[in-house]
Protein backbone atom coordinates (compact mmCIF):
# COMPACT_ATOMS: atom_id res chain seq x y z
CA MET A 1 216.07 1.55 173.64
CA THR A 2 214.24 -1.61 174.66
CA PRO A 3 210.44 -1.09 174.49
CA SER A 4 208.66 -0.88 177.84
CA LEU A 5 207.15 -4.06 179.22
CA PRO A 6 203.48 -4.58 180.13
CA ARG A 7 202.40 -3.08 183.43
CA PHE A 8 200.80 -6.16 184.94
CA ARG A 9 203.10 -9.04 185.81
CA SER A 10 203.19 -12.16 187.93
CA GLN A 11 206.09 -14.35 188.97
CA ASN A 12 206.80 -17.93 190.01
CA PRO A 13 204.08 -19.91 188.20
CA LYS A 14 203.30 -23.47 189.29
CA VAL A 15 202.60 -26.51 187.16
CA GLY A 16 198.95 -26.28 186.11
CA ASP A 17 198.76 -22.47 186.17
CA ARG A 18 197.23 -20.77 183.14
CA ILE A 19 199.56 -18.02 182.02
CA VAL A 20 200.30 -15.52 179.30
CA LEU A 21 204.00 -15.62 178.47
CA ARG A 22 205.77 -12.82 176.63
CA ARG A 23 208.76 -14.40 174.98
CA ARG A 24 211.74 -12.66 173.37
CA LEU A 25 212.37 -14.42 170.08
CA PRO A 26 215.90 -15.60 169.23
CA GLY A 27 217.87 -13.02 167.27
CA ALA A 28 216.43 -10.00 169.11
CA THR A 29 218.80 -7.17 169.97
CA ALA A 30 218.68 -4.20 172.34
CA THR A 31 217.38 -2.02 169.51
CA GLU A 32 215.25 -4.59 167.68
CA VAL A 33 213.19 -6.63 170.09
CA HIS A 34 210.82 -9.24 168.67
CA TRP A 35 208.26 -10.66 171.06
CA THR A 36 205.53 -13.22 170.84
CA ASP A 37 202.79 -13.92 173.39
CA VAL A 38 201.67 -17.44 174.30
CA ILE A 39 198.60 -18.26 176.38
CA GLY A 40 198.58 -21.73 177.84
CA HIS A 41 199.13 -23.98 180.85
CA VAL A 42 202.41 -24.66 182.60
CA VAL A 43 203.39 -28.32 182.30
CA GLY A 44 207.01 -28.03 183.41
CA LEU A 45 209.47 -25.82 185.27
CA ASN A 46 213.24 -25.38 185.00
CA PRO A 47 213.03 -25.03 182.05
CA LEU A 48 209.59 -23.55 181.59
CA VAL A 49 207.34 -25.70 179.38
CA VAL A 50 203.96 -24.35 178.24
CA ARG A 51 201.13 -26.17 176.46
CA PRO A 52 199.16 -23.63 174.35
CA GLN A 53 195.52 -23.47 175.39
CA SER A 54 192.54 -24.71 173.42
CA ILE A 55 190.51 -22.21 171.38
CA GLY A 56 186.73 -22.38 171.53
CA GLY A 57 186.94 -25.79 173.15
CA ILE A 58 189.04 -27.20 170.28
CA PRO A 59 192.41 -28.51 171.47
CA SER A 60 195.39 -26.55 170.17
CA GLN A 61 197.48 -28.36 167.56
CA ALA A 62 200.63 -26.54 168.71
CA ALA A 63 203.23 -28.65 170.45
CA GLU A 64 204.41 -27.93 173.97
CA ILE A 65 206.86 -25.03 174.03
CA GLU A 66 210.09 -25.14 176.02
CA VAL A 67 211.28 -21.61 176.79
CA PRO A 68 214.86 -20.90 177.90
CA ALA A 69 215.10 -18.49 180.84
CA GLU A 70 216.90 -15.84 178.76
CA GLN A 71 213.90 -15.59 176.41
CA ILE A 72 211.33 -14.92 179.15
CA GLU A 73 210.27 -11.28 179.36
CA VAL A 74 206.99 -11.41 181.31
CA ILE A 75 204.88 -14.14 182.88
CA LYS A 76 201.39 -13.23 183.99
CA ILE A 77 199.33 -15.82 185.82
CA LEU A 78 195.78 -15.78 184.48
CA SER A 79 192.54 -16.83 186.08
CA PRO A 80 191.59 -20.45 185.31
CA ARG A 81 188.45 -19.06 183.67
CA THR A 82 187.97 -16.56 180.88
CA ILE A 83 187.38 -13.02 182.15
CA ARG A 84 185.47 -10.60 179.92
CA ASN A 85 185.84 -6.82 180.02
CA SER A 86 182.25 -6.62 181.28
CA ASP A 87 183.20 -8.90 184.19
CA ILE A 88 186.07 -6.59 185.15
CA ARG A 89 183.76 -3.60 184.93
CA ALA A 90 181.08 -5.28 187.08
CA VAL A 91 183.52 -6.05 189.91
CA GLU A 92 185.02 -2.55 189.76
CA VAL A 93 181.56 -0.91 189.78
CA ALA A 94 180.55 -3.00 192.81
CA THR A 95 183.78 -1.93 194.52
CA ALA A 96 183.23 1.74 193.69
CA LYS A 97 179.76 1.61 195.26
CA ALA A 98 181.35 0.19 198.42
CA PHE A 99 183.91 3.04 198.56
CA PRO A 100 182.05 6.09 197.18
CA GLY A 101 184.08 8.80 198.93
CA LEU A 102 182.44 11.85 200.46
CA VAL A 103 181.67 13.39 197.06
CA HIS A 104 181.42 11.72 193.68
CA GLU A 105 180.21 12.55 190.17
CA TRP A 106 180.20 11.00 186.71
CA SER A 107 181.98 12.57 183.74
CA ASP A 108 182.12 10.94 180.29
CA GLY A 109 181.91 7.45 181.77
CA TRP A 110 184.44 8.16 184.52
CA LEU A 111 183.48 8.05 188.21
CA LEU A 112 185.30 10.85 190.05
CA ARG A 113 185.54 10.35 193.84
CA ALA A 114 186.89 12.62 196.57
CA GLY A 115 187.20 11.55 200.18
CA ASP A 116 189.89 11.76 202.81
CA GLY A 117 192.74 12.07 200.33
CA ILE A 118 194.46 8.95 201.74
CA THR A 119 192.99 5.70 200.49
CA GLU A 120 193.03 5.33 196.71
CA ARG A 121 189.65 3.65 196.41
CA SER A 122 187.78 6.71 197.68
CA ASN A 123 190.03 9.31 196.03
CA SER A 124 190.44 8.36 192.39
CA ALA A 125 188.93 8.65 188.93
CA SER A 126 187.72 5.26 187.68
CA PRO A 127 186.93 4.25 184.06
CA LEU A 128 183.65 2.45 184.69
CA GLY A 129 181.43 3.42 181.77
CA PRO A 130 180.85 0.77 179.07
CA SER A 131 182.67 2.71 176.33
CA VAL A 132 185.56 4.39 178.19
CA GLY A 133 188.04 1.78 176.99
CA PHE A 134 187.70 3.20 173.48
CA GLU A 135 187.61 6.94 174.18
CA PRO A 136 190.16 9.57 175.27
CA VAL A 137 190.47 10.22 179.00
CA PRO A 138 188.64 13.47 179.97
CA MET A 139 191.72 14.85 181.73
CA ASP A 140 190.44 18.46 181.76
CA LYS A 141 187.33 17.45 183.71
CA ILE A 142 189.26 15.11 186.00
CA THR A 143 191.83 17.84 186.70
CA ARG A 144 189.12 20.38 187.47
CA PHE A 145 187.36 18.01 189.89
CA TYR A 146 190.45 17.22 191.96
CA ARG A 147 191.63 20.82 192.03
CA GLU A 148 188.23 21.87 193.33
CA HIS A 149 188.63 19.37 196.16
CA ASP A 150 192.32 20.22 196.76
CA LEU A 151 193.37 16.62 196.08
CA PRO A 152 196.01 15.14 193.78
CA ILE A 153 194.86 13.77 190.45
CA ARG A 154 194.72 10.01 190.81
CA LEU A 155 193.74 7.62 188.03
CA HIS A 156 192.44 4.14 188.70
CA ILE A 157 193.80 1.80 186.00
CA PRO A 158 192.19 -1.65 185.81
CA GLU A 159 193.52 -4.14 183.31
CA ARG A 160 192.08 -3.85 179.79
CA ILE A 161 189.31 -1.34 180.50
CA GLY A 162 191.94 1.11 181.77
CA ARG A 163 194.12 1.14 178.65
CA PRO A 164 193.40 4.79 177.70
CA ALA A 165 194.43 5.88 181.22
CA GLN A 166 197.63 3.85 180.96
CA LYS A 167 198.42 5.63 177.70
CA VAL A 168 198.08 9.00 179.47
CA VAL A 169 200.64 7.88 182.04
CA ASP A 170 202.97 6.39 179.43
CA VAL A 171 203.11 9.67 177.48
CA ALA A 172 204.72 11.44 180.46
CA PRO A 173 205.85 8.80 182.97
CA ALA A 174 207.98 11.26 184.96
CA GLU A 175 204.82 13.16 185.87
CA TRP A 176 203.15 10.19 187.54
CA ILE A 177 203.77 8.02 190.60
CA MET A 178 202.63 4.44 190.05
CA GLY A 179 201.17 2.64 193.04
CA PRO A 180 201.64 -1.07 193.77
CA GLU A 181 199.99 -3.72 191.66
CA ILE A 182 196.77 -4.91 193.32
CA VAL A 183 195.25 -8.35 192.71
CA VAL A 184 191.45 -8.43 192.54
CA MET A 185 190.19 -11.90 193.51
CA THR A 186 186.69 -13.33 193.20
CA LYS A 187 184.70 -16.46 193.93
CA SER A 188 181.17 -17.82 193.78
CA LEU A 189 179.23 -17.95 197.04
CA GLU A 190 177.68 -21.24 196.03
CA ASP A 191 180.76 -22.87 197.54
CA ILE A 192 181.56 -21.56 201.03
CA PRO A 193 184.26 -23.16 203.19
CA ALA A 194 183.35 -24.87 206.46
CA ASN A 195 182.63 -22.14 208.97
CA GLU A 196 182.98 -23.59 212.42
CA LEU A 197 183.27 -20.98 215.16
CA PRO A 198 186.74 -21.08 216.75
CA GLU A 199 186.78 -22.25 220.34
CA GLY A 200 186.34 -19.42 222.82
CA MET A 201 185.20 -16.94 220.17
CA GLU A 202 181.92 -15.21 219.39
CA PHE A 203 181.10 -13.92 215.90
CA SER A 204 178.92 -10.93 215.12
CA VAL A 205 178.18 -8.54 212.25
CA ASP A 206 177.08 -5.01 213.14
CA ALA A 207 175.59 -2.29 210.95
CA GLN A 208 178.19 0.21 212.23
CA PRO A 209 181.63 -0.21 213.82
CA ASP A 210 182.36 0.85 217.37
CA ALA A 211 185.58 2.34 218.75
CA ASP A 212 187.15 -1.10 219.35
CA TRP A 213 186.61 -2.09 215.72
CA LEU A 214 187.97 1.21 214.37
CA ASN A 215 191.00 1.18 216.66
CA MET A 216 192.07 -2.21 215.29
CA TYR A 217 191.98 -1.30 211.59
CA HIS A 218 195.12 -0.33 209.66
CA PHE A 219 195.58 0.45 205.95
CA ARG A 220 198.64 -1.39 204.59
CA GLY A 221 200.08 -1.58 208.07
CA GLN A 222 199.52 2.06 208.98
CA ALA A 223 196.99 3.52 211.41
CA LEU A 224 194.47 5.84 209.76
CA PRO A 225 193.42 9.30 210.99
CA PRO A 226 189.85 9.74 212.27
CA GLU A 227 188.57 11.27 209.01
CA ALA A 228 189.80 8.26 207.04
CA LEU A 229 188.23 5.82 209.47
CA GLU A 230 184.97 7.74 209.22
CA LEU A 231 184.80 6.96 205.51
CA LEU A 232 184.57 3.24 206.28
CA ARG A 233 181.22 3.78 207.97
CA THR A 234 179.76 6.40 205.60
CA GLN A 235 176.50 5.44 203.90
CA ILE A 236 176.96 3.51 200.65
CA GLU A 237 174.76 2.44 197.76
CA GLY A 238 174.15 -0.95 199.31
CA GLN A 239 174.53 -2.62 202.70
CA MET A 240 177.45 -2.67 205.11
CA GLY A 241 178.39 -5.15 207.80
CA PHE A 242 181.24 -4.91 210.28
CA GLY A 243 182.25 -8.40 211.29
CA ARG A 244 184.34 -9.37 214.28
CA PHE A 245 185.48 -12.10 216.61
CA THR A 246 185.34 -11.34 220.31
CA THR A 247 186.49 -13.40 223.25
CA LYS A 248 184.08 -14.49 225.96
CA ALA A 249 185.36 -11.50 227.93
CA GLY A 250 184.27 -9.15 225.14
CA GLU A 251 187.70 -8.31 223.68
CA THR A 252 187.67 -7.66 219.93
CA VAL A 253 190.45 -9.77 218.39
CA ALA A 254 189.66 -9.92 214.64
CA ILE A 255 187.68 -7.68 212.29
CA THR A 256 186.54 -7.29 208.68
CA ARG A 257 184.35 -4.89 206.70
CA ALA A 258 181.78 -6.41 204.36
CA THR A 259 179.56 -4.72 201.78
CA ILE A 260 176.71 -5.86 199.55
CA THR A 261 176.51 -3.88 196.32
CA ALA A 262 175.04 -4.53 192.88
CA ALA A 263 176.44 -4.30 189.35
CA GLU A 264 175.22 -5.76 186.05
CA GLU A 265 172.20 -7.26 187.86
CA ARG A 266 174.57 -9.22 190.12
CA GLU A 267 174.92 -8.89 193.88
CA PHE A 268 178.49 -8.82 195.21
CA LEU A 269 179.95 -9.31 198.66
CA GLY A 270 182.98 -7.08 199.13
CA TYR A 271 185.41 -8.31 201.77
CA SER A 272 188.08 -5.93 203.12
CA ALA A 273 189.76 -4.45 206.20
CA VAL A 274 190.86 -7.81 207.61
CA GLU A 275 192.83 -7.53 210.87
CA VAL A 276 193.75 -10.02 213.57
CA ALA A 277 195.23 -8.86 216.88
CA PRO A 278 198.93 -9.84 217.12
CA ALA A 279 198.41 -12.04 220.20
CA PHE A 280 195.75 -14.07 218.35
CA ARG A 281 197.49 -14.68 215.03
CA ARG A 282 198.38 -18.14 213.69
CA ARG A 283 195.23 -19.60 215.20
CA GLY A 284 193.16 -19.75 212.03
CA LEU A 285 191.03 -16.73 212.93
CA GLY A 286 191.56 -15.05 209.54
CA THR A 287 190.37 -18.14 207.68
CA ALA A 288 187.39 -18.65 209.99
CA LEU A 289 186.42 -14.97 209.75
CA GLY A 290 186.55 -15.14 205.95
CA ALA A 291 184.32 -18.21 205.84
CA LEU A 292 181.77 -16.74 208.25
CA ILE A 293 181.57 -13.39 206.44
CA GLN A 294 180.98 -15.28 203.19
CA GLN A 295 178.06 -17.04 204.86
CA TRP A 296 176.71 -13.67 206.00
CA GLY A 297 177.03 -12.31 202.45
CA ALA A 298 175.14 -15.28 200.99
CA GLU A 299 172.38 -14.80 203.57
CA MET A 300 172.14 -11.13 202.50
CA GLY A 301 171.57 -12.18 198.89
CA ALA A 302 175.06 -11.93 197.34
CA GLN A 303 175.96 -14.51 194.69
CA GLU A 304 179.63 -13.59 194.27
CA ALA A 305 182.42 -12.22 196.44
CA TYR A 306 185.49 -10.12 195.67
CA LEU A 307 188.46 -8.75 197.56
CA GLN A 308 191.72 -6.93 196.86
CA VAL A 309 195.24 -7.70 198.01
CA VAL A 310 198.57 -6.08 197.18
CA ALA A 311 200.44 -8.39 194.80
CA HIS A 312 203.47 -8.80 197.05
CA ASN A 313 201.37 -9.84 200.08
CA GLU A 314 202.07 -13.57 199.86
CA ALA A 315 200.48 -14.33 203.24
CA GLY A 316 197.26 -12.61 202.20
CA LEU A 317 197.20 -14.36 198.84
CA GLY A 318 197.68 -17.70 200.57
CA LEU A 319 194.81 -17.02 202.97
CA TYR A 320 192.43 -16.01 200.21
CA HIS A 321 193.32 -18.97 198.00
CA LYS A 322 192.50 -21.17 200.99
CA LEU A 323 189.09 -19.48 201.16
CA GLY A 324 188.41 -20.33 197.52
CA PHE A 325 189.26 -17.02 195.85
CA ALA A 326 191.08 -16.90 192.50
CA GLU A 327 192.66 -14.01 190.64
CA HIS A 328 190.15 -12.15 188.48
CA HIS A 329 192.18 -9.18 187.24
CA ARG A 330 194.65 -6.56 188.46
CA HIS A 331 194.69 -2.80 188.77
CA ARG A 332 196.94 0.04 189.83
CA TYR A 333 196.63 3.70 190.74
CA ALA A 334 198.66 6.51 189.18
CA GLU A 335 199.00 9.79 191.09
CA HIS A 336 200.03 12.94 189.28
CA ARG A 337 203.01 14.83 190.72
CA ARG A 338 201.90 18.37 191.45
């Protein structure tokens, strides 16, 4: 049987992208697969040509590698910069503070959250302690917590720091439902795009959302029940802001939720819940809203911003790249079948 492939994958790299390439070596068979991993920059397509990256600032002496299509197993597009495990943990801690659920507790470095039972961020166990990447997952304690709250067991699995959780899933894959791959993107708030107010629009950020704001929000295209919407406005360990564009007549036509939370002595702007009314799409409101909420975050003291987007949402990825965000890492959620 061919060994399983890595969980986190990207497709369709462009010239200039930094990637990790898993390559099947010539001579491999269905029962004996030999792989090698190459980290480098794409210098050609059709066929794929990769220049191995420098190490410690010293240029690599390896020649460019041309890889036939039949040898390519996995291509993962990497951030242009080096991401440390502590950086992944900091962004995930800031996110967890922005979505704490109704009840949460710590257990052996894992943050256990229970909320509405719908959105993963507020209803999952997250490996956020500094040593959890090297220790067994406390499944007994996680199981007890979610049974007490009558919720399914759901593990949050970020890249690298979530390896022990991935091993739990891999031991019994039929017992788990894997959610979609989610791209976590970040950027510095030292560089904010031009933020001109669109003609005919007014921009505001409120401490709490009103009915118009809540009625516009959907989670992955689906309307949320009242208890799920209530979680968006529940007190967090930080500051919330509910941004919107309204017309001169007072109609709410675009919204976003912003949070300011701290991790590793860094202040982060979290940017989520972006919606534009159907009649007002393709007018640049999403881009303008993103730029203005970044300005608000910087004024509130944040130095960095992050957001999450499902990996197959090409329109969302395009918007966020335009706003200056780049991929930081990826994560998934695994829900236990009960």
